Amino acid sequence: MKFNYNNKKFRAIQNTEKGETSTETVFKYEQKGNILTSVYNGGQIVSGHLIGLVDKNGNIEMRYHHVNTKGELMTGICQSKPELLPNEKIRLYEEWQWTSGDKSFGKSILEEI
């Protein structure tokens, strides 16, 4: 199965307590070849960007950074695994870690909107 994330939007539907994305956070994905980029904002996030690599199974290895509503610059790494839902939308299961702040780990789920 080939996943293409170009021009797709995602919203966080679930996140670990230490995470800053929420149902108010929207990610706008663009993909060229195996390179994925995104801008995101909403909720606790004023402005964010991510860059990642997509493998042949649609898994994404990414790095992200954003400024939150406290005015802090936050950075992290994330691995995402896709699932194709019955409605043809994509759900992403993510495992992430902050590379700033307390360097905690977490899990989140994003769904295509």
N, C-alpha and C. Protein backbone atom coordinates (compact mmCIF):
# COMPACT_ATOMS: atom_id res chain seq x y z
N MET A 1 0.86 -1.19 0.00
CA MET A 1 0.00 0.00 0.00
C MET A 1 0.89 1.24 0.00
N LYS A 2 0.59 2.15 -0.86
CA LYS A 2 1.37 3.38 -0.98
C LYS A 2 0.59 4.54 -0.38
N PHE A 3 1.22 5.25 0.53
CA PHE A 3 0.60 6.43 1.14
C PHE A 3 1.22 7.68 0.56
N ASN A 4 0.38 8.65 0.25
CA ASN A 4 0.87 9.95 -0.19
C ASN A 4 0.17 11.01 0.66
N TYR A 5 0.97 11.85 1.29
CA TYR A 5 0.44 12.83 2.23
C TYR A 5 0.28 14.22 1.63
N ASN A 6 0.56 14.36 0.33
CA ASN A 6 0.54 15.69 -0.28
C ASN A 6 -0.85 16.32 -0.22
N ASN A 7 -0.88 17.58 0.21
CA ASN A 7 -2.12 18.38 0.31
C ASN A 7 -3.17 17.79 1.25
N LYS A 8 -2.72 17.01 2.24
CA LYS A 8 -3.66 16.46 3.22
C LYS A 8 -3.54 17.25 4.52
N LYS A 9 -4.66 17.33 5.24
CA LYS A 9 -4.70 18.00 6.55
C LYS A 9 -5.01 16.95 7.61
N PHE A 10 -4.35 17.11 8.76
CA PHE A 10 -4.53 16.18 9.87
C PHE A 10 -4.82 16.97 11.14
N ARG A 11 -5.55 16.33 12.04
CA ARG A 11 -5.87 16.91 13.35
C ARG A 11 -5.53 15.86 14.41
N ALA A 12 -4.95 16.31 15.51
CA ALA A 12 -4.66 15.40 16.62
C ALA A 12 -5.98 15.03 17.29
N ILE A 13 -6.23 13.73 17.45
CA ILE A 13 -7.45 13.29 18.14
C ILE A 13 -7.13 12.72 19.51
N GLN A 14 -5.84 12.48 19.77
CA GLN A 14 -5.43 11.93 21.06
C GLN A 14 -3.97 12.27 21.28
N ASN A 15 -3.59 12.55 22.53
CA ASN A 15 -2.19 12.85 22.83
C ASN A 15 -1.92 12.55 24.29
N THR A 16 -0.65 12.26 24.57
CA THR A 16 -0.17 12.06 25.93
C THR A 16 -0.17 13.41 26.65
N GLU A 17 -0.24 13.37 27.97
CA GLU A 17 -0.35 14.58 28.78
C GLU A 17 0.75 15.61 28.49
N LYS A 18 1.99 15.16 28.29
CA LYS A 18 3.11 16.09 28.06
C LYS A 18 3.13 16.67 26.64
N GLY A 19 2.24 16.21 25.78
CA GLY A 19 2.18 16.72 24.41
C GLY A 19 1.48 18.06 24.35
N GLU A 20 1.74 18.82 23.28
CA GLU A 20 1.13 20.14 23.13
C GLU A 20 0.12 20.21 21.99
N THR A 21 0.05 19.17 21.15
CA THR A 21 -0.98 19.18 20.11
C THR A 21 -2.30 18.74 20.71
N SER A 22 -3.38 19.21 20.11
CA SER A 22 -4.73 18.90 20.61
C SER A 22 -5.68 18.84 19.42
N THR A 23 -6.97 18.66 19.70
CA THR A 23 -7.96 18.63 18.63
C THR A 23 -8.05 19.98 17.92
N GLU A 24 -7.49 21.03 18.52
CA GLU A 24 -7.48 22.36 17.87
C GLU A 24 -6.28 22.54 16.94
N THR A 25 -5.34 21.61 16.97
CA THR A 25 -4.11 21.71 16.16
C THR A 25 -4.33 21.08 14.79
N VAL A 26 -4.06 21.84 13.74
CA VAL A 26 -4.20 21.35 12.37
C VAL A 26 -2.83 21.35 11.69
N PHE A 27 -2.52 20.22 11.06
CA PHE A 27 -1.27 20.04 10.31
C PHE A 27 -1.61 20.05 8.83
N LYS A 28 -0.90 20.84 8.04
CA LYS A 28 -1.08 20.87 6.58
C LYS A 28 0.16 20.24 5.96
N TYR A 29 0.00 19.02 5.42
CA TYR A 29 1.12 18.25 4.90
C TYR A 29 1.34 18.52 3.41
N GLU A 30 2.61 18.51 3.03
CA GLU A 30 3.00 18.52 1.62
C GLU A 30 4.08 17.46 1.46
N GLN A 31 4.04 16.75 0.34
CA GLN A 31 5.02 15.71 0.09
C GLN A 31 5.55 15.82 -1.33
N LYS A 32 6.88 15.80 -1.45
CA LYS A 32 7.55 15.77 -2.75
C LYS A 32 8.53 14.62 -2.70
N GLY A 33 8.27 13.59 -3.53
CA GLY A 33 9.09 12.38 -3.44
C GLY A 33 8.88 11.77 -2.08
N ASN A 34 9.98 11.49 -1.36
CA ASN A 34 9.84 10.92 -0.02
C ASN A 34 10.03 11.98 1.08
N ILE A 35 10.05 13.25 0.70
CA ILE A 35 10.24 14.33 1.67
C ILE A 35 8.89 14.94 2.04
N LEU A 36 8.60 14.93 3.33
CA LEU A 36 7.35 15.45 3.86
C LEU A 36 7.64 16.74 4.64
N THR A 37 6.83 17.77 4.41
CA THR A 37 6.91 18.99 5.21
C THR A 37 5.51 19.35 5.67
N SER A 38 5.45 20.13 6.74
CA SER A 38 4.15 20.55 7.25
C SER A 38 4.30 21.85 8.03
N VAL A 39 3.27 22.66 7.94
CA VAL A 39 3.09 23.77 8.88
C VAL A 39 1.92 23.38 9.76
N TYR A 40 1.96 23.80 11.02
CA TYR A 40 0.87 23.46 11.93
C TYR A 40 0.70 24.54 12.98
N ASN A 41 -0.54 24.67 13.45
CA ASN A 41 -0.85 25.60 14.54
C ASN A 41 -2.22 25.27 15.11
N GLY A 42 -2.53 25.95 16.19
CA GLY A 42 -3.82 25.75 16.85
C GLY A 42 -3.65 25.24 18.27
N GLY A 43 -4.58 25.61 19.13
CA GLY A 43 -4.49 25.19 20.52
C GLY A 43 -3.31 25.87 21.20
N GLN A 44 -2.43 25.08 21.80
CA GLN A 44 -1.25 25.61 22.50
C GLN A 44 -0.13 26.00 21.55
N ILE A 45 -0.30 25.75 20.24
CA ILE A 45 0.79 25.98 19.29
C ILE A 45 0.48 27.20 18.43
N VAL A 46 1.36 28.20 18.52
CA VAL A 46 1.21 29.43 17.74
C VAL A 46 1.67 29.20 16.31
N SER A 47 2.85 28.59 16.15
CA SER A 47 3.40 28.34 14.81
C SER A 47 4.38 27.19 14.87
N GLY A 48 4.22 26.22 13.96
CA GLY A 48 5.12 25.07 13.95
C GLY A 48 5.41 24.59 12.55
N HIS A 49 6.52 23.85 12.43
CA HIS A 49 6.95 23.24 11.18
C HIS A 49 7.49 21.85 11.47
N LEU A 50 7.35 20.97 10.50
CA LEU A 50 8.02 19.68 10.60
C LEU A 50 8.59 19.30 9.25
N ILE A 51 9.61 18.45 9.30
CA ILE A 51 10.18 17.87 8.09
C ILE A 51 10.42 16.41 8.37
N GLY A 52 10.14 15.57 7.37
CA GLY A 52 10.29 14.15 7.58
C GLY A 52 10.57 13.40 6.30
N LEU A 53 10.91 12.14 6.47
CA LEU A 53 11.12 11.22 5.36
C LEU A 53 10.06 10.12 5.44
N VAL A 54 9.47 9.81 4.29
CA VAL A 54 8.43 8.78 4.19
C VAL A 54 9.04 7.55 3.55
N ASP A 55 8.90 6.38 4.23
CA ASP A 55 9.43 5.16 3.63
C ASP A 55 8.39 4.51 2.72
N LYS A 56 8.75 3.37 2.12
CA LYS A 56 7.88 2.73 1.12
C LYS A 56 6.56 2.25 1.71
N ASN A 57 6.47 2.09 3.04
CA ASN A 57 5.24 1.66 3.69
C ASN A 57 4.42 2.82 4.25
N GLY A 58 4.88 4.06 4.00
CA GLY A 58 4.17 5.23 4.49
C GLY A 58 4.55 5.68 5.88
N ASN A 59 5.50 4.96 6.52
CA ASN A 59 5.98 5.38 7.83
C ASN A 59 6.77 6.68 7.69
N ILE A 60 6.65 7.54 8.68
CA ILE A 60 7.31 8.84 8.63
C ILE A 60 8.28 8.97 9.80
N GLU A 61 9.51 9.35 9.48
CA GLU A 61 10.49 9.73 10.49
C GLU A 61 10.62 11.24 10.38
N MET A 62 10.34 11.96 11.48
CA MET A 62 10.30 13.42 11.35
C MET A 62 10.97 14.13 12.52
N ARG A 63 11.27 15.39 12.27
CA ARG A 63 11.74 16.34 13.28
C ARG A 63 10.76 17.51 13.25
N TYR A 64 10.47 18.06 14.42
CA TYR A 64 9.52 19.17 14.47
C TYR A 64 10.01 20.25 15.42
N HIS A 65 9.51 21.46 15.18
CA HIS A 65 9.76 22.57 16.10
C HIS A 65 8.57 23.51 16.04
N HIS A 66 8.26 24.12 17.20
CA HIS A 66 7.17 25.09 17.22
C HIS A 66 7.35 26.05 18.38
N VAL A 67 6.60 27.15 18.29
CA VAL A 67 6.52 28.10 19.39
C VAL A 67 5.14 27.92 20.01
N ASN A 68 5.11 27.74 21.34
CA ASN A 68 3.83 27.54 22.01
C ASN A 68 3.29 28.86 22.57
N THR A 69 2.11 28.80 23.15
CA THR A 69 1.45 30.01 23.64
C THR A 69 2.17 30.63 24.84
N LYS A 70 3.12 29.89 25.45
CA LYS A 70 3.94 30.45 26.53
C LYS A 70 5.16 31.19 25.97
N GLY A 71 5.31 31.18 24.63
CA GLY A 71 6.45 31.83 24.00
C GLY A 71 7.71 30.98 24.01
N GLU A 72 7.55 29.67 24.26
CA GLU A 72 8.70 28.77 24.29
C GLU A 72 8.93 28.14 22.92
N LEU A 73 10.19 27.96 22.57
CA LEU A 73 10.56 27.23 21.35
C LEU A 73 10.76 25.77 21.74
N MET A 74 9.95 24.90 21.17
CA MET A 74 9.97 23.48 21.50
C MET A 74 10.41 22.68 20.28
N THR A 75 11.20 21.61 20.51
CA THR A 75 11.70 20.77 19.42
C THR A 75 11.52 19.31 19.79
N GLY A 76 11.41 18.47 18.75
CA GLY A 76 11.25 17.05 19.03
C GLY A 76 11.42 16.17 17.82
N ILE A 77 11.37 14.87 18.06
CA ILE A 77 11.44 13.85 17.02
C ILE A 77 10.20 12.98 17.12
N CYS A 78 9.81 12.38 15.99
CA CYS A 78 8.57 11.60 15.97
C CYS A 78 8.67 10.51 14.90
N GLN A 79 8.09 9.36 15.21
CA GLN A 79 7.90 8.27 14.25
C GLN A 79 6.41 8.06 14.10
N SER A 80 5.91 8.05 12.86
CA SER A 80 4.48 7.87 12.60
C SER A 80 4.25 6.64 11.74
N LYS A 81 3.23 5.87 12.11
CA LYS A 81 2.83 4.69 11.32
C LYS A 81 1.40 4.92 10.84
N PRO A 82 1.16 4.76 9.52
CA PRO A 82 -0.17 5.03 8.98
C PRO A 82 -1.10 3.83 9.01
N GLU A 83 -2.39 4.12 9.06
CA GLU A 83 -3.45 3.13 8.89
C GLU A 83 -4.47 3.75 7.95
N LEU A 84 -4.89 2.98 6.94
CA LEU A 84 -5.94 3.45 6.04
C LEU A 84 -7.28 3.04 6.62
N LEU A 85 -8.12 4.03 6.90
CA LEU A 85 -9.43 3.78 7.49
C LEU A 85 -10.44 3.36 6.42
N PRO A 86 -11.56 2.76 6.81
CA PRO A 86 -12.58 2.34 5.84
C PRO A 86 -13.09 3.48 4.95
N ASN A 87 -13.06 4.72 5.46
CA ASN A 87 -13.51 5.87 4.66
C ASN A 87 -12.41 6.44 3.77
N GLU A 88 -11.29 5.69 3.64
CA GLU A 88 -10.14 6.08 2.80
C GLU A 88 -9.30 7.21 3.40
N LYS A 89 -9.63 7.63 4.60
CA LYS A 89 -8.81 8.63 5.29
C LYS A 89 -7.65 7.93 5.99
N ILE A 90 -6.61 8.71 6.31
CA ILE A 90 -5.42 8.15 6.96
C ILE A 90 -5.43 8.49 8.44
N ARG A 91 -5.09 7.50 9.27
CA ARG A 91 -4.86 7.72 10.70
C ARG A 91 -3.37 7.46 10.95
N LEU A 92 -2.73 8.35 11.71
CA LEU A 92 -1.31 8.20 12.03
C LEU A 92 -1.13 7.93 13.52
N TYR A 93 -0.42 6.84 13.81
CA TYR A 93 -0.08 6.50 15.19
C TYR A 93 1.35 6.97 15.42
N GLU A 94 1.52 7.87 16.38
CA GLU A 94 2.81 8.53 16.54
C GLU A 94 3.44 8.25 17.91
N GLU A 95 4.74 8.08 17.89
CA GLU A 95 5.55 8.01 19.10
C GLU A 95 6.56 9.13 18.99
N TRP A 96 6.59 10.00 19.99
CA TRP A 96 7.42 11.19 19.90
C TRP A 96 8.23 11.39 21.18
N GLN A 97 9.26 12.24 21.04
CA GLN A 97 10.05 12.64 22.19
C GLN A 97 10.48 14.09 22.02
N TRP A 98 10.35 14.84 23.10
CA TRP A 98 10.87 16.20 23.09
C TRP A 98 12.39 16.14 23.09
N THR A 99 13.03 17.01 22.30
CA THR A 99 14.48 17.17 22.36
C THR A 99 14.80 18.48 23.07
N SER A 100 13.78 19.13 23.58
CA SER A 100 13.91 20.33 24.40
C SER A 100 13.11 20.10 25.67
N GLY A 101 13.15 21.05 26.59
CA GLY A 101 12.35 20.93 27.81
C GLY A 101 12.73 19.70 28.62
N ASP A 102 11.72 18.92 29.05
CA ASP A 102 11.99 17.78 29.93
C ASP A 102 12.37 16.50 29.17
N LYS A 103 12.43 16.57 27.84
CA LYS A 103 12.82 15.44 26.99
C LYS A 103 11.94 14.20 27.18
N SER A 104 10.68 14.42 27.59
CA SER A 104 9.76 13.31 27.83
C SER A 104 9.29 12.68 26.52
N PHE A 105 8.75 11.47 26.65
CA PHE A 105 8.21 10.70 25.53
C PHE A 105 6.69 10.78 25.55
N GLY A 106 6.07 10.49 24.41
CA GLY A 106 4.62 10.43 24.38
C GLY A 106 4.12 9.72 23.14
N LYS A 107 2.81 9.57 23.09
CA LYS A 107 2.14 8.97 21.94
C LYS A 107 0.96 9.84 21.57
N SER A 108 0.71 9.94 20.27
CA SER A 108 -0.44 10.70 19.80
C SER A 108 -1.03 10.00 18.59
N ILE A 109 -2.27 10.38 18.27
CA ILE A 109 -2.95 9.86 17.08
C ILE A 109 -3.48 11.06 16.30
N LEU A 110 -3.16 11.10 15.01
CA LEU A 110 -3.68 12.13 14.12
C LEU A 110 -4.62 11.47 13.12
N GLU A 111 -5.65 12.21 12.71
CA GLU A 111 -6.54 11.71 11.66
C GLU A 111 -6.68 12.76 10.58
N GLU A 112 -6.74 12.28 9.34
CA GLU A 112 -6.94 13.15 8.19
C GLU A 112 -8.33 13.79 8.28
N ILE A 113 -8.39 15.08 7.98
CA ILE A 113 -9.68 15.79 8.00
C ILE A 113 -10.04 16.26 6.61
